[in-house]
Amino acid sequence: MSEQHTTALVTGANKGIGYEIALGLGALGWSVGVGARHDGRREEAVERLRAAGVDAFGVPLDVTDDASTTAAARLIEERAGRLDVLVNNAGITGGMPQEPTRVDPDIIRTVVETNVLGVIRVTNALLPLLRRSASPRIVNMSSSVGSLTRQSGTDGELTTGPVAAAYSPSKTFLNAVTVQYTRELAGTNILINLACPGYVATDLNGFQGVRTPEQGAAIAVKLATLPDDGPTGKFFEDAGEVPW
């Protein structure tokens, strides 16, 4: 990225991978907005980040609410005048069961509302501020279970993840939407990519993951700091590109 004072917003940044992304970007000397809907947990995260030397500030943000995303954009505009990096990290897994023959359709609607429509809502609200940046970046946090290749086991490896008719398809949906953003934003200086953090121990999986949140955050930090000639419209994990 070009040399400048950089402002980033990370959604769902009060804990887990989102917090570690905020910490990693803050370690670069960036100003980082901690997007979260719960006031107490958001401000606690901001205090922890500041204690670690990060120029952090709280951004009240419910990604499922239009008024909340509009207010978040207004707050960032008043504070910084533009946004350089947006990391769409907020996500939910939904309730159980999620076998397609048993899942409650309302669970699917709820998961898609956050994991897909929430990303669209936040991205569109912040795009005017991103367009003011010299090197704007958007990172959408996906998952290995968003890969149809890995879900179907057609890459020669074992099928990844449990049977889940809400969470896994929501990440595949997010991948497809990101491709459409890439097509629409072609010819601009906005780079938008998908990050796969791996199986990280967070409350989303009952802390059963084998990677730490810090390890899971690394790929998002890498994509947020791509050079101006970096890739766009791709799906990455630490080892390289993820098959669609």
Protein backbone atom coordinates (compact mmCIF):
# COMPACT_ATOMS: atom_id res chain seq x y z
CA MET A 1 0.00 0.00 0.00
CA SER A 2 1.08 3.57 -0.50
CA GLU A 3 2.58 5.46 2.42
CA GLN A 4 -0.15 7.30 4.31
CA HIS A 5 -1.90 7.40 7.65
CA THR A 6 -4.23 4.46 7.30
CA THR A 7 -7.68 3.91 8.80
CA ALA A 8 -9.27 0.48 8.91
CA LEU A 9 -12.59 -0.89 10.09
CA VAL A 10 -12.92 -4.49 11.27
CA THR A 11 -16.43 -5.79 11.89
CA GLY A 12 -16.98 -8.27 14.70
CA ALA A 13 -13.69 -7.10 16.20
CA ASN A 14 -14.48 -7.38 19.89
CA LYS A 15 -13.21 -10.97 20.15
CA GLY A 16 -11.62 -13.92 18.38
CA ILE A 17 -10.24 -13.56 14.89
CA GLY A 18 -11.66 -10.05 14.48
CA TYR A 19 -9.86 -8.81 17.57
CA GLU A 20 -6.58 -10.31 16.37
CA ILE A 21 -7.03 -8.69 12.95
CA ALA A 22 -7.51 -5.34 14.66
CA LEU A 23 -4.42 -5.98 16.78
CA GLY A 24 -2.36 -6.96 13.73
CA LEU A 25 -3.39 -3.90 11.73
CA GLY A 26 -2.87 -1.66 14.74
CA ALA A 27 0.66 -2.98 15.12
CA LEU A 28 1.39 -1.39 11.74
CA GLY A 29 0.59 2.02 13.19
CA TRP A 30 -2.88 2.15 11.69
CA SER A 31 -5.96 3.64 13.26
CA VAL A 32 -8.43 0.78 13.67
CA GLY A 33 -12.18 0.95 14.15
CA VAL A 34 -13.53 -1.84 16.33
CA GLY A 35 -16.93 -2.65 14.88
CA ALA A 36 -19.27 -4.51 17.24
CA ARG A 37 -22.89 -4.30 18.31
CA HIS A 38 -22.44 -5.00 22.04
CA ASP A 39 -21.41 -1.76 23.75
CA GLY A 40 -19.62 -3.27 26.73
CA ARG A 41 -17.62 -5.87 24.82
CA ARG A 42 -16.73 -3.33 22.13
CA GLU A 43 -15.36 -0.81 24.59
CA GLU A 44 -13.51 -3.51 26.51
CA ALA A 45 -11.80 -4.56 23.28
CA VAL A 46 -10.90 -0.95 22.50
CA GLU A 47 -9.32 -0.57 25.95
CA ARG A 48 -7.31 -3.78 25.49
CA LEU A 49 -6.10 -2.67 22.07
CA ARG A 50 -5.12 0.75 23.35
CA ALA A 51 -3.21 -0.88 26.21
CA ALA A 52 -1.30 -2.80 23.52
CA GLY A 53 -0.41 0.48 21.79
CA VAL A 54 -3.08 0.42 19.08
CA ASP A 55 -4.83 3.60 17.95
CA ALA A 56 -8.24 1.95 18.34
CA PHE A 57 -11.70 3.48 18.42
CA GLY A 58 -15.12 1.98 18.90
CA VAL A 59 -17.68 1.79 16.11
CA PRO A 60 -21.18 0.76 17.20
CA LEU A 61 -22.23 -1.57 14.42
CA ASP A 62 -24.97 -4.11 13.85
CA VAL A 63 -24.36 -5.43 10.33
CA THR A 64 -28.00 -6.52 10.04
CA ASP A 65 -29.32 -2.98 10.51
CA ASP A 66 -29.34 -0.27 7.83
CA ALA A 67 -29.43 2.62 10.29
CA SER A 68 -26.50 1.18 12.24
CA THR A 69 -24.30 0.81 9.17
CA THR A 70 -25.18 4.32 8.01
CA ALA A 71 -24.26 5.70 11.42
CA ALA A 72 -20.97 3.77 11.38
CA ALA A 73 -20.06 5.30 8.02
CA ARG A 74 -20.87 8.75 9.34
CA LEU A 75 -18.71 8.20 12.43
CA ILE A 76 -15.70 7.14 10.34
CA GLU A 77 -16.17 10.05 7.94
CA GLU A 78 -16.22 12.52 10.82
CA ARG A 79 -13.15 10.94 12.40
CA ALA A 80 -10.95 10.24 9.38
CA GLY A 81 -12.61 11.61 6.26
CA ARG A 82 -12.07 8.32 4.42
CA LEU A 83 -11.58 4.60 4.95
CA ASP A 84 -8.58 2.71 3.63
CA VAL A 85 -9.35 -0.86 4.64
CA LEU A 86 -12.59 -2.70 5.40
CA VAL A 87 -12.44 -6.19 6.88
CA ASN A 88 -15.86 -7.86 6.87
CA ASN A 89 -15.30 -10.33 9.67
CA ALA A 90 -18.61 -10.44 11.57
CA GLY A 91 -20.34 -13.77 11.19
CA ILE A 92 -22.49 -16.39 12.89
CA THR A 93 -22.94 -20.13 12.50
CA GLY A 94 -26.64 -20.27 13.42
CA GLY A 95 -28.39 -22.85 15.55
CA MET A 96 -28.66 -26.58 15.21
CA PRO A 97 -29.59 -28.88 13.59
CA GLN A 98 -28.27 -27.91 10.16
CA GLU A 99 -28.72 -31.10 8.17
CA PRO A 100 -30.69 -30.01 5.09
CA THR A 101 -33.51 -32.43 5.89
CA ARG A 102 -33.88 -31.06 9.42
CA VAL A 103 -32.80 -27.41 9.34
CA ASP A 104 -35.31 -24.71 10.19
CA PRO A 105 -35.44 -22.31 7.21
CA ASP A 106 -35.40 -19.41 9.70
CA ILE A 107 -31.89 -20.47 10.73
CA ILE A 108 -30.75 -20.20 7.12
CA ARG A 109 -32.35 -16.76 6.80
CA THR A 110 -30.69 -15.55 9.99
CA VAL A 111 -27.23 -16.79 8.97
CA VAL A 112 -27.48 -15.31 5.48
CA GLU A 113 -28.69 -12.00 6.93
CA THR A 114 -25.43 -11.63 8.86
CA ASN A 115 -22.87 -13.52 6.78
CA VAL A 116 -23.94 -12.31 3.33
CA LEU A 117 -26.40 -9.43 3.46
CA GLY A 118 -24.46 -7.91 6.35
CA VAL A 119 -21.33 -7.82 4.22
CA ILE A 120 -23.23 -6.22 1.35
CA ARG A 121 -24.85 -3.69 3.68
CA VAL A 122 -21.57 -2.64 5.33
CA THR A 123 -19.56 -2.62 2.10
CA ASN A 124 -22.07 -0.43 0.29
CA ALA A 125 -22.29 2.00 3.20
CA LEU A 126 -18.50 2.35 3.34
CA LEU A 127 -17.70 2.34 -0.39
CA PRO A 128 -17.93 6.15 -0.74
CA LEU A 129 -15.25 6.50 1.96
CA LEU A 130 -13.11 3.72 0.46
CA ARG A 131 -13.17 5.50 -2.90
CA ARG A 132 -11.43 8.45 -1.23
CA SER A 133 -8.44 6.26 -0.31
CA ALA A 134 -5.31 6.04 -2.44
CA SER A 135 -5.11 2.27 -1.87
CA PRO A 136 -8.45 0.89 -0.73
CA ARG A 137 -8.71 -2.75 0.32
CA ILE A 138 -11.69 -4.93 1.20
CA VAL A 139 -11.19 -8.30 2.88
CA ASN A 140 -14.16 -10.63 3.30
CA MET A 141 -13.68 -13.40 5.82
CA SER A 142 -14.79 -16.68 4.31
CA SER A 143 -14.04 -20.27 5.33
CA SER A 144 -12.71 -23.52 3.92
CA VAL A 145 -16.30 -24.79 4.08
CA GLY A 146 -17.23 -22.08 1.59
CA SER A 147 -15.24 -23.95 -1.05
CA LEU A 148 -17.52 -26.22 -3.11
CA THR A 149 -14.45 -28.15 -4.18
CA ARG A 150 -13.54 -28.93 -0.59
CA GLN A 151 -17.15 -29.49 0.46
CA SER A 152 -17.55 -32.10 -2.26
CA GLY A 153 -14.12 -33.65 -1.79
CA THR A 154 -13.32 -33.25 -5.49
CA ASP A 155 -9.77 -32.02 -4.93
CA GLY A 156 -8.53 -35.42 -3.80
CA GLU A 157 -8.82 -34.59 -0.11
CA LEU A 158 -11.40 -35.53 2.48
CA THR A 159 -14.60 -33.51 2.52
CA THR A 160 -14.17 -30.59 4.91
CA GLY A 161 -16.53 -29.56 7.68
CA PRO A 162 -19.78 -31.03 9.00
CA VAL A 163 -23.06 -31.19 7.08
CA ALA A 164 -24.41 -27.66 7.44
CA ALA A 165 -27.17 -26.24 5.27
CA ALA A 166 -26.87 -22.72 6.73
CA TYR A 167 -23.29 -21.79 7.62
CA SER A 168 -21.35 -23.51 4.83
CA PRO A 169 -23.62 -22.32 1.99
CA SER A 170 -23.57 -18.81 3.46
CA LYS A 171 -19.82 -18.70 2.95
CA THR A 172 -20.18 -20.05 -0.60
CA PHE A 173 -22.77 -17.33 -1.19
CA LEU A 174 -20.33 -14.75 0.20
CA ASN A 175 -17.63 -16.01 -2.16
CA ALA A 176 -19.97 -15.62 -5.13
CA VAL A 177 -21.04 -12.12 -4.07
CA THR A 178 -17.40 -11.10 -3.70
CA VAL A 179 -16.73 -12.19 -7.27
CA GLN A 180 -19.57 -9.93 -8.41
CA TYR A 181 -18.11 -6.99 -6.49
CA THR A 182 -14.79 -7.68 -8.20
CA ARG A 183 -16.45 -7.55 -11.60
CA GLU A 184 -18.28 -4.31 -10.84
CA LEU A 185 -15.19 -2.65 -9.32
CA ALA A 186 -12.88 -3.72 -12.16
CA GLY A 187 -10.85 -0.77 -13.37
CA THR A 188 -10.86 0.93 -9.98
CA ASN A 189 -8.05 0.88 -7.41
CA ILE A 190 -10.14 -1.15 -4.94
CA LEU A 191 -8.74 -4.61 -4.27
CA ILE A 192 -11.26 -7.04 -2.77
CA ASN A 193 -10.36 -10.57 -1.72
CA LEU A 194 -11.58 -13.46 0.40
CA ALA A 195 -9.65 -14.77 3.39
CA CYS A 196 -9.79 -18.31 4.75
CA PRO A 197 -8.50 -18.35 8.35
CA GLY A 198 -8.52 -22.13 8.76
CA TYR A 199 -10.09 -24.08 11.62
CA VAL A 200 -9.61 -21.59 14.43
CA ALA A 201 -10.55 -22.15 18.06
CA THR A 202 -13.34 -19.63 18.67
CA ASP A 203 -16.73 -19.62 20.34
CA LEU A 204 -18.29 -20.29 16.92
CA ASN A 205 -17.06 -23.89 17.11
CA GLY A 206 -16.93 -24.33 20.86
CA PHE A 207 -13.16 -23.66 20.76
CA GLN A 208 -12.56 -26.97 19.01
CA GLY A 209 -10.40 -25.45 16.26
CA VAL A 210 -6.73 -26.34 15.93
CA ARG A 211 -5.47 -22.83 15.09
CA THR A 212 -5.21 -19.78 17.30
CA PRO A 213 -7.13 -16.58 16.51
CA GLU A 214 -3.78 -14.89 15.87
CA GLN A 215 -2.92 -17.52 13.25
CA GLY A 216 -6.36 -17.16 11.69
CA ALA A 217 -5.98 -13.39 11.47
CA ALA A 218 -2.68 -13.50 9.58
CA ILE A 219 -4.17 -13.99 6.11
CA ALA A 220 -6.59 -11.07 6.59
CA VAL A 221 -3.74 -8.78 7.63
CA LYS A 222 -1.78 -9.90 4.57
CA LEU A 223 -4.67 -9.16 2.21
CA ALA A 224 -5.35 -5.82 3.90
CA THR A 225 -1.77 -4.75 3.18
CA LEU A 226 -1.48 -5.86 -0.44
CA PRO A 227 0.58 -3.63 -2.75
CA ASP A 228 -1.23 -1.60 -5.39
CA ASP A 229 -0.49 -4.25 -8.02
CA GLY A 230 -1.76 -7.06 -5.80
CA PRO A 231 -4.45 -9.58 -6.74
CA THR A 232 -8.17 -8.98 -6.54
CA GLY A 233 -11.17 -11.29 -6.67
CA LYS A 234 -9.23 -14.22 -5.21
CA PHE A 235 -9.72 -16.64 -2.31
CA PHE A 236 -6.65 -17.10 -0.10
CA GLU A 237 -5.40 -19.02 2.91
CA ASP A 238 -1.89 -19.02 4.38
CA ALA A 239 -0.71 -21.67 1.91
CA GLY A 240 -1.99 -19.81 -1.16
CA GLU A 241 -5.19 -19.79 -3.20
CA VAL A 242 -8.18 -21.82 -2.06
CA PRO A 243 -10.06 -23.78 -4.74
CA TRP A 244 -13.54 -22.49 -5.41
